[in-house]
Amino acid sequence: MKQLLNQVFNLTRHLVRLILPLVVIILASALILPPAFAIGVYDMPNLKPGGTWVVDKGDVLSLSNEGKISTTLEDLAKQTGNEVRIVTVRRLDYGETPESFTKSLFEKWFPTKSDQANQTILMIDTVTNGNFIISGDKVKSLMPEAVANSIARETLMEPLRNGNKYNQAFTDASDRLVAVLSGQPDPGPPQIVETVKVEGTFKNAEETANIKGNSTAWVIGLLIAATVIPMATYYIYLAIQPSSEG
């Protein structure tokens, strides 16, 4: 019996030495490391001379559609002096919101009030589809806040509610922006067509948080087990050893 317990104890201790470092690494990664692909303003590129019109960090636009939108926005800038940037990101840094991110990016790209005057940024976080639009003072005379919010919340969002159609969403939004900033009549938001909601395959923020919480619980459980099992085995060994010697 004593020999069997010695073998069990030695095997358990060997397994703990192998598993414990891995468990600690996994636990540290789950609790400390930032989410993959999280983006802050410091990750955003500077604007290139000659115009950067679309920054697709979320990788949701086709190359052909990105090119068409860029050409449309470049033509708008040449004809009116009003400039629009489209920005997509995959995930924002912890504590960052679409509003705070867009405002900080606006100040990074256009540091002064005069730089900002004829500028607009329309941004979206593709994990949550949270978005924000910001414009300079001169733009607001052509595009009041109510119209800007309608573009972000209705024109941009309607195609996303029906299958995450990002190419259509940004084409529609850029077309409406160009019309408004060119002094043409506002075509207005798209007509809302009610459809049966189909559950998407992408997890929302709450579901992602729950998954992360469950994973952390499993890791903590493994860590506790890796600590308790060897101790329990050792105490059993100590409890039985006297009787074995007797």
C-alpha atoms as a PDB file:
ATOM      1  CA  MET A   1       0.000   0.000   0.000  1.00  0.00           C
ATOM      2  CA  LYS A   2       2.817   2.349   0.938  1.00  0.00           C
ATOM      3  CA  GLN A   3       4.559   1.686  -2.378  1.00  0.00           C
ATOM      4  CA  LEU A   4       1.335   2.337  -4.316  1.00  0.00           C
ATOM      5  CA  LEU A   5       0.777   5.634  -2.524  1.00  0.00           C
ATOM      6  CA  ASN A   6       4.370   6.638  -3.220  1.00  0.00           C
ATOM      7  CA  GLN A   7       3.840   5.989  -6.917  1.00  0.00           C
ATOM      8  CA  VAL A   8       0.569   7.956  -6.956  1.00  0.00           C
ATOM      9  CA  PHE A   9       2.145  10.835  -5.079  1.00  0.00           C
ATOM     10  CA  ASN A  10       5.196  10.976  -7.348  1.00  0.00           C
ATOM     11  CA  LEU A  11       3.039  10.795 -10.472  1.00  0.00           C
ATOM     12  CA  THR A  12       0.740  13.551  -9.202  1.00  0.00           C
ATOM     13  CA  ARG A  13       3.684  15.767  -8.280  1.00  0.00           C
ATOM     14  CA  HIS A  14       5.200  15.234 -11.744  1.00  0.00           C
ATOM     15  CA  LEU A  15       1.922  16.138 -13.456  1.00  0.00           C
ATOM     16  CA  VAL A  16       1.588  19.277 -11.344  1.00  0.00           C
ATOM     17  CA  ARG A  17       5.062  20.392 -12.360  1.00  0.00           C
ATOM     18  CA  LEU A  18       4.056  19.999 -15.999  1.00  0.00           C
ATOM     19  CA  ILE A  19       0.561  21.467 -15.824  1.00  0.00           C
ATOM     20  CA  LEU A  20       0.880  24.264 -13.251  1.00  0.00           C
ATOM     21  CA  PRO A  21       3.032  26.614 -15.399  1.00  0.00           C
ATOM     22  CA  LEU A  22       0.614  26.207 -18.302  1.00  0.00           C
ATOM     23  CA  VAL A  23      -2.373  26.927 -16.060  1.00  0.00           C
ATOM     24  CA  VAL A  24      -0.692  30.053 -14.685  1.00  0.00           C
ATOM     25  CA  ILE A  25       0.076  31.309 -18.210  1.00  0.00           C
ATOM     26  CA  ILE A  26      -3.519  30.734 -19.339  1.00  0.00           C
ATOM     27  CA  LEU A  27      -4.873  32.477 -16.238  1.00  0.00           C
ATOM     28  CA  ALA A  28      -2.574  35.449 -16.738  1.00  0.00           C
ATOM     29  CA  SER A  29      -3.557  35.705 -20.395  1.00  0.00           C
ATOM     30  CA  ALA A  30      -7.265  35.611 -19.592  1.00  0.00           C
ATOM     31  CA  LEU A  31      -7.036  38.242 -16.859  1.00  0.00           C
ATOM     32  CA  ILE A  32      -4.262  40.573 -17.984  1.00  0.00           C
ATOM     33  CA  LEU A  33      -3.710  40.565 -21.730  1.00  0.00           C
ATOM     34  CA  PRO A  34      -5.898  42.906 -23.826  1.00  0.00           C
ATOM     35  CA  PRO A  35      -8.413  41.435 -26.283  1.00  0.00           C
ATOM     36  CA  ALA A  36      -6.969  40.377 -29.609  1.00  0.00           C
ATOM     37  CA  PHE A  37      -7.041  43.043 -32.297  1.00  0.00           C
ATOM     38  CA  ALA A  38      -8.073  45.786 -29.849  1.00  0.00           C
ATOM     39  CA  ILE A  39      -7.303  49.181 -31.350  1.00  0.00           C
ATOM     40  CA  GLY A  40      -6.614  52.567 -29.818  1.00  0.00           C
ATOM     41  CA  VAL A  41      -6.103  55.921 -31.466  1.00  0.00           C
ATOM     42  CA  TYR A  42      -2.329  55.392 -31.240  1.00  0.00           C
ATOM     43  CA  ASP A  43      -2.719  52.430 -33.659  1.00  0.00           C
ATOM     44  CA  MET A  44      -4.328  54.558 -36.346  1.00  0.00           C
ATOM     45  CA  PRO A  45      -2.131  55.673 -39.253  1.00  0.00           C
ATOM     46  CA  ASN A  46      -1.478  59.304 -40.045  1.00  0.00           C
ATOM     47  CA  LEU A  47      -3.271  60.701 -43.061  1.00  0.00           C
ATOM     48  CA  LYS A  48      -1.270  60.338 -46.262  1.00  0.00           C
ATOM     49  CA  PRO A  49      -0.532  63.363 -48.441  1.00  0.00           C
ATOM     50  CA  GLY A  50      -3.114  63.518 -51.194  1.00  0.00           C
ATOM     51  CA  GLY A  51      -5.855  62.013 -49.086  1.00  0.00           C
ATOM     52  CA  THR A  52      -6.689  58.877 -47.106  1.00  0.00           C
ATOM     53  CA  TRP A  53     -10.427  58.464 -47.333  1.00  0.00           C
ATOM     54  CA  VAL A  54     -11.093  54.975 -45.982  1.00  0.00           C
ATOM     55  CA  VAL A  55      -9.275  53.234 -43.110  1.00  0.00           C
ATOM     56  CA  ASP A  56     -10.703  49.719 -42.945  1.00  0.00           C
ATOM     57  CA  LYS A  57      -9.054  48.271 -39.830  1.00  0.00           C
ATOM     58  CA  GLY A  58     -12.140  46.089 -39.351  1.00  0.00           C
ATOM     59  CA  ASP A  59     -11.498  44.460 -42.736  1.00  0.00           C
ATOM     60  CA  VAL A  60     -15.179  44.487 -43.682  1.00  0.00           C
ATOM     61  CA  LEU A  61     -15.068  46.300 -47.038  1.00  0.00           C
ATOM     62  CA  SER A  62     -14.221  44.728 -50.361  1.00  0.00           C
ATOM     63  CA  LEU A  63     -11.288  46.288 -52.215  1.00  0.00           C
ATOM     64  CA  SER A  64     -13.521  47.327 -55.093  1.00  0.00           C
ATOM     65  CA  ASN A  65     -16.063  48.988 -52.827  1.00  0.00           C
ATOM     66  CA  GLU A  66     -13.356  50.694 -50.781  1.00  0.00           C
ATOM     67  CA  GLY A  67     -11.956  52.085 -54.035  1.00  0.00           C
ATOM     68  CA  LYS A  68     -15.368  53.365 -55.163  1.00  0.00           C
ATOM     69  CA  ILE A  69     -16.050  55.054 -51.821  1.00  0.00           C
ATOM     70  CA  SER A  70     -12.570  56.612 -51.823  1.00  0.00           C
ATOM     71  CA  THR A  71     -13.112  58.024 -55.316  1.00  0.00           C
ATOM     72  CA  THR A  72     -16.515  59.408 -54.335  1.00  0.00           C
ATOM     73  CA  LEU A  73     -15.122  61.128 -51.249  1.00  0.00           C
ATOM     74  CA  GLU A  74     -12.104  62.444 -53.133  1.00  0.00           C
ATOM     75  CA  ASP A  75     -14.397  64.006 -55.751  1.00  0.00           C
ATOM     76  CA  LEU A  76     -16.446  65.586 -52.954  1.00  0.00           C
ATOM     77  CA  ALA A  77     -13.299  67.150 -51.486  1.00  0.00           C
ATOM     78  CA  LYS A  78     -12.189  68.538 -54.849  1.00  0.00           C
ATOM     79  CA  GLN A  79     -15.593  70.003 -55.669  1.00  0.00           C
ATOM     80  CA  THR A  80     -16.632  71.403 -52.287  1.00  0.00           C
ATOM     81  CA  GLY A  81     -13.624  71.383 -49.946  1.00  0.00           C
ATOM     82  CA  ASN A  82     -15.583  69.201 -47.535  1.00  0.00           C
ATOM     83  CA  GLU A  83     -13.719  66.045 -46.565  1.00  0.00           C
ATOM     84  CA  VAL A  84     -15.101  62.782 -45.140  1.00  0.00           C
ATOM     85  CA  ARG A  85     -13.175  59.855 -43.682  1.00  0.00           C
ATOM     86  CA  ILE A  86     -14.629  56.393 -43.190  1.00  0.00           C
ATOM     87  CA  VAL A  87     -13.075  54.359 -40.352  1.00  0.00           C
ATOM     88  CA  THR A  88     -13.760  50.770 -39.302  1.00  0.00           C
ATOM     89  CA  VAL A  89     -12.100  48.934 -36.404  1.00  0.00           C
ATOM     90  CA  ARG A  90     -12.444  45.347 -35.245  1.00  0.00           C
ATOM     91  CA  ARG A  91     -12.437  46.026 -31.519  1.00  0.00           C
ATOM     92  CA  LEU A  92     -11.765  49.064 -29.337  1.00  0.00           C
ATOM     93  CA  ASP A  93      -9.347  49.189 -26.428  1.00  0.00           C
ATOM     94  CA  TYR A  94     -10.749  48.507 -22.968  1.00  0.00           C
ATOM     95  CA  GLY A  95     -12.709  51.512 -21.687  1.00  0.00           C
ATOM     96  CA  GLU A  96     -12.853  53.141 -25.128  1.00  0.00           C
ATOM     97  CA  THR A  97     -16.208  53.963 -26.747  1.00  0.00           C
ATOM     98  CA  PRO A  98     -16.995  54.832 -30.372  1.00  0.00           C
ATOM     99  CA  GLU A  99     -17.560  58.442 -29.274  1.00  0.00           C
ATOM    100  CA  SER A 100     -14.331  58.819 -27.277  1.00  0.00           C
ATOM    101  CA  PHE A 101     -12.300  57.034 -29.960  1.00  0.00           C
ATOM    102  CA  THR A 102     -13.686  59.171 -32.805  1.00  0.00           C
ATOM    103  CA  LYS A 103     -13.215  62.424 -30.906  1.00  0.00           C
ATOM    104  CA  SER A 104      -9.598  61.534 -30.094  1.00  0.00           C
ATOM    105  CA  LEU A 105      -8.953  60.488 -33.696  1.00  0.00           C
ATOM    106  CA  PHE A 106     -10.489  63.754 -34.930  1.00  0.00           C
ATOM    107  CA  GLU A 107      -8.036  65.709 -32.768  1.00  0.00           C
ATOM    108  CA  LYS A 108      -5.106  63.526 -33.836  1.00  0.00           C
ATOM    109  CA  TRP A 109      -5.774  63.951 -37.553  1.00  0.00           C
ATOM    110  CA  PHE A 110      -6.942  67.575 -37.337  1.00  0.00           C
ATOM    111  CA  PRO A 111      -5.274  69.245 -34.337  1.00  0.00           C
ATOM    112  CA  THR A 112      -6.646  72.783 -34.710  1.00  0.00           C
ATOM    113  CA  LYS A 113     -10.126  74.245 -35.094  1.00  0.00           C
ATOM    114  CA  SER A 114      -9.264  75.524 -38.552  1.00  0.00           C
ATOM    115  CA  ASP A 115      -8.058  72.053 -39.567  1.00  0.00           C
ATOM    116  CA  GLN A 116     -11.276  70.528 -38.257  1.00  0.00           C
ATOM    117  CA  ALA A 117     -13.659  73.042 -39.828  1.00  0.00           C
ATOM    118  CA  ASN A 118     -14.519  71.164 -43.040  1.00  0.00           C
ATOM    119  CA  GLN A 119     -13.834  67.623 -41.821  1.00  0.00           C
ATOM    120  CA  THR A 120     -16.080  64.654 -40.995  1.00  0.00           C
ATOM    121  CA  ILE A 121     -15.270  61.206 -39.627  1.00  0.00           C
ATOM    122  CA  LEU A 122     -17.773  58.343 -39.662  1.00  0.00           C
ATOM    123  CA  MET A 123     -16.546  55.425 -37.545  1.00  0.00           C
ATOM    124  CA  ILE A 124     -17.813  51.957 -36.580  1.00  0.00           C
ATOM    125  CA  ASP A 125     -16.655  49.181 -34.258  1.00  0.00           C
ATOM    126  CA  THR A 126     -17.536  45.987 -36.136  1.00  0.00           C
ATOM    127  CA  VAL A 127     -17.738  43.788 -33.022  1.00  0.00           C
ATOM    128  CA  THR A 128     -20.662  45.710 -31.535  1.00  0.00           C
ATOM    129  CA  ASN A 129     -21.615  47.874 -34.558  1.00  0.00           C
ATOM    130  CA  GLY A 130     -21.371  50.850 -32.240  1.00  0.00           C
ATOM    131  CA  ASN A 131     -20.670  53.957 -34.310  1.00  0.00           C
ATOM    132  CA  PHE A 132     -20.142  57.697 -34.113  1.00  0.00           C
ATOM    133  CA  ILE A 133     -19.934  60.638 -36.483  1.00  0.00           C
ATOM    134  CA  ILE A 134     -18.136  63.919 -35.837  1.00  0.00           C
ATOM    135  CA  SER A 135     -17.848  67.065 -37.953  1.00  0.00           C
ATOM    136  CA  GLY A 136     -16.173  70.463 -37.893  1.00  0.00           C
ATOM    137  CA  ASP A 137     -17.963  73.792 -37.478  1.00  0.00           C
ATOM    138  CA  LYS A 138     -18.258  74.654 -41.194  1.00  0.00           C
ATOM    139  CA  VAL A 139     -19.748  71.259 -41.988  1.00  0.00           C
ATOM    140  CA  LYS A 140     -22.486  71.710 -39.390  1.00  0.00           C
ATOM    141  CA  SER A 141     -24.018  74.555 -41.397  1.00  0.00           C
ATOM    142  CA  LEU A 142     -24.669  72.057 -44.205  1.00  0.00           C
ATOM    143  CA  MET A 143     -25.216  68.975 -42.066  1.00  0.00           C
ATOM    144  CA  PRO A 144     -26.964  69.679 -38.754  1.00  0.00           C
ATOM    145  CA  GLU A 145     -26.461  67.267 -35.886  1.00  0.00           C
ATOM    146  CA  ALA A 146     -29.861  65.649 -36.449  1.00  0.00           C
ATOM    147  CA  VAL A 147     -28.941  64.770 -40.041  1.00  0.00           C
ATOM    148  CA  ALA A 148     -25.499  63.522 -39.027  1.00  0.00           C
ATOM    149  CA  ASN A 149     -27.006  61.281 -36.353  1.00  0.00           C
ATOM    150  CA  SER A 150     -29.574  59.977 -38.834  1.00  0.00           C
ATOM    151  CA  ILE A 151     -26.781  59.009 -41.231  1.00  0.00           C
ATOM    152  CA  ALA A 152     -24.919  57.123 -38.481  1.00  0.00           C
ATOM    153  CA  ARG A 153     -27.917  55.512 -36.798  1.00  0.00           C
ATOM    154  CA  GLU A 154     -30.266  54.896 -39.724  1.00  0.00           C
ATOM    155  CA  THR A 155     -28.530  55.043 -43.119  1.00  0.00           C
ATOM    156  CA  LEU A 156     -25.444  53.177 -41.913  1.00  0.00           C
ATOM    157  CA  MET A 157     -27.191  50.796 -39.546  1.00  0.00           C
ATOM    158  CA  GLU A 158     -30.147  49.584 -41.609  1.00  0.00           C
ATOM    159  CA  PRO A 159     -28.097  47.270 -43.907  1.00  0.00           C
ATOM    160  CA  LEU A 160     -26.248  45.976 -40.831  1.00  0.00           C
ATOM    161  CA  ARG A 161     -29.491  44.947 -39.153  1.00  0.00           C
ATOM    162  CA  ASN A 162     -30.195  42.707 -42.124  1.00  0.00           C
ATOM    163  CA  GLY A 163     -27.073  40.606 -42.424  1.00  0.00           C
ATOM    164  CA  ASN A 164     -24.104  42.862 -41.593  1.00  0.00           C
ATOM    165  CA  LYS A 165     -23.928  44.212 -45.143  1.00  0.00           C
ATOM    166  CA  TYR A 166     -21.014  46.575 -44.573  1.00  0.00           C
ATOM    167  CA  ASN A 167     -20.363  47.314 -48.235  1.00  0.00           C
ATOM    168  CA  GLN A 168     -23.935  48.455 -48.760  1.00  0.00           C
ATOM    169  CA  ALA A 169     -23.993  50.277 -45.425  1.00  0.00           C
ATOM    170  CA  PHE A 170     -20.984  52.449 -46.189  1.00  0.00           C
ATOM    171  CA  THR A 171     -21.993  52.976 -49.818  1.00  0.00           C
ATOM    172  CA  ASP A 172     -25.390  54.263 -48.688  1.00  0.00           C
ATOM    173  CA  ALA A 173     -23.860  56.394 -45.931  1.00  0.00           C
ATOM    174  CA  SER A 174     -21.206  57.927 -48.201  1.00  0.00           C
ATOM    175  CA  ASP A 175     -23.797  58.660 -50.926  1.00  0.00           C
ATOM    176  CA  ARG A 176     -25.992  60.494 -48.433  1.00  0.00           C
ATOM    177  CA  LEU A 177     -23.015  62.359 -46.977  1.00  0.00           C
ATOM    178  CA  VAL A 178     -21.933  63.472 -50.438  1.00  0.00           C
ATOM    179  CA  ALA A 179     -25.440  64.697 -51.283  1.00  0.00           C
ATOM    180  CA  VAL A 180     -25.779  66.675 -48.049  1.00  0.00           C
ATOM    181  CA  LEU A 181     -22.258  68.149 -48.113  1.00  0.00           C
ATOM    182  CA  SER A 182     -22.644  69.115 -51.772  1.00  0.00           C
ATOM    183  CA  GLY A 183     -25.641  71.278 -50.881  1.00  0.00           C
ATOM    184  CA  GLN A 184     -28.131  68.929 -52.547  1.00  0.00           C
ATOM    185  CA  PRO A 185     -31.433  67.937 -50.922  1.00  0.00           C
ATOM    186  CA  ASP A 186     -31.008  65.342 -48.208  1.00  0.00           C
ATOM    187  CA  PRO A 187     -32.290  61.996 -49.565  1.00  0.00           C
ATOM    188  CA  GLY A 188     -33.170  61.029 -46.011  1.00  0.00           C
ATOM    189  CA  PRO A 189     -32.811  57.709 -44.218  1.00  0.00           C
ATOM    190  CA  PRO A 190     -33.658  54.427 -45.919  1.00  0.00           C
ATOM    191  CA  GLN A 191     -37.155  53.081 -45.717  1.00  0.00           C
ATOM    192  CA  ILE A 192     -37.286  50.614 -42.849  1.00  0.00           C
ATOM    193  CA  VAL A 193     -38.562  47.201 -43.880  1.00  0.00           C
ATOM    194  CA  GLU A 194     -39.505  44.967 -40.981  1.00  0.00           C
ATOM    195  CA  THR A 195     -38.222  41.430 -41.365  1.00  0.00           C
ATOM    196  CA  VAL A 196     -38.121  38.336 -39.210  1.00  0.00           C
ATOM    197  CA  LYS A 197     -35.050  38.552 -37.018  1.00  0.00           C
ATOM    198  CA  VAL A 198     -32.558  35.785 -37.650  1.00  0.00           C
ATOM    199  CA  GLU A 199     -30.064  35.073 -34.908  1.00  0.00           C
ATOM    200  CA  GLY A 200     -26.567  35.917 -36.099  1.00  0.00           C
ATOM    201  CA  THR A 201     -23.467  33.805 -35.675  1.00  0.00           C
ATOM    202  CA  PHE A 202     -21.486  36.645 -34.087  1.00  0.00           C
ATOM    203  CA  LYS A 203     -21.560  36.987 -30.334  1.00  0.00           C
ATOM    204  CA  ASN A 204     -22.595  40.311 -28.864  1.00  0.00           C
ATOM    205  CA  ALA A 205     -20.593  42.070 -26.157  1.00  0.00           C
ATOM    206  CA  GLU A 206     -22.567  40.495 -23.296  1.00  0.00           C
ATOM    207  CA  GLU A 207     -22.160  36.975 -24.686  1.00  0.00           C
ATOM    208  CA  THR A 208     -18.435  37.562 -25.205  1.00  0.00           C
ATOM    209  CA  ALA A 209     -18.081  38.733 -21.600  1.00  0.00           C
ATOM    210  CA  ASN A 210     -19.935  35.633 -20.354  1.00  0.00           C
ATOM    211  CA  ILE A 211     -17.670  33.335 -22.375  1.00  0.00           C
ATOM    212  CA  LYS A 212     -14.605  35.064 -20.987  1.00  0.00           C
ATOM    213  CA  GLY A 213     -16.016  34.743 -17.464  1.00  0.00           C
ATOM    214  CA  ASN A 214     -16.676  31.017 -17.938  1.00  0.00           C
ATOM    215  CA  SER A 215     -13.174  30.463 -19.313  1.00  0.00           C
ATOM    216  CA  THR A 216     -11.661  32.273 -16.343  1.00  0.00           C
ATOM    217  CA  ALA A 217     -13.720  30.118 -13.949  1.00  0.00           C
ATOM    218  CA  TRP A 218     -12.456  26.953 -15.613  1.00  0.00           C
ATOM    219  CA  VAL A 219      -8.854  28.128 -15.386  1.00  0.00           C
ATOM    220  CA  ILE A 220      -9.234  29.026 -11.712  1.00  0.00           C
ATOM    221  CA  GLY A 221     -10.841  25.631 -11.074  1.00  0.00           C
ATOM    222  CA  LEU A 222      -7.929  23.844 -12.727  1.00  0.00           C
ATOM    223  CA  LEU A 223      -5.465  25.897 -10.712  1.00  0.00           C
ATOM    224  CA  ILE A 224      -7.228  25.004  -7.457  1.00  0.00           C
ATOM    225  CA  ALA A 225      -7.397  21.325  -8.440  1.00  0.00           C
ATOM    226  CA  ALA A 226      -3.701  21.318  -9.308  1.00  0.00           C
ATOM    227  CA  THR A 227      -2.965  22.630  -5.811  1.00  0.00           C
ATOM    228  CA  VAL A 228      -5.455  20.599  -3.757  1.00  0.00           C
ATOM    229  CA  ILE A 229      -5.007  17.132  -5.317  1.00  0.00           C
ATOM    230  CA  PRO A 230      -1.283  16.799  -4.475  1.00  0.00           C
ATOM    231  CA  MET A 231      -1.915  18.075  -0.936  1.00  0.00           C
ATOM    232  CA  ALA A 232      -4.783  15.637  -0.426  1.00  0.00           C
ATOM    233  CA  THR A 233      -2.689  12.765  -1.751  1.00  0.00           C
ATOM    234  CA  TYR A 234       0.171  13.718   0.554  1.00  0.00           C
ATOM    235  CA  TYR A 235      -2.069  13.867   3.637  1.00  0.00           C
ATOM    236  CA  ILE A 236      -3.599  10.503   2.770  1.00  0.00           C
ATOM    237  CA  TYR A 237      -0.084   9.164   2.495  1.00  0.00           C
ATOM    238  CA  LEU A 238       0.833  10.543   5.932  1.00  0.00           C
ATOM    239  CA  ALA A 239      -2.382   9.185   7.456  1.00  0.00           C
ATOM    240  CA  ILE A 240      -1.843   5.658   6.169  1.00  0.00           C
ATOM    241  CA  GLN A 241       1.941   5.483   6.595  1.00  0.00           C
ATOM    242  CA  PRO A 242       1.951   4.705  10.389  1.00  0.00           C
ATOM    243  CA  SER A 243      -0.448   1.781   9.973  1.00  0.00           C
ATOM    244  CA  SER A 244       1.620   0.467   7.073  1.00  0.00           C
ATOM    245  CA  GLU A 245       4.790   0.536   9.187  1.00  0.00           C
ATOM    246  CA  GLY A 246       2.960  -1.171  12.044  1.00  0.00           C
END
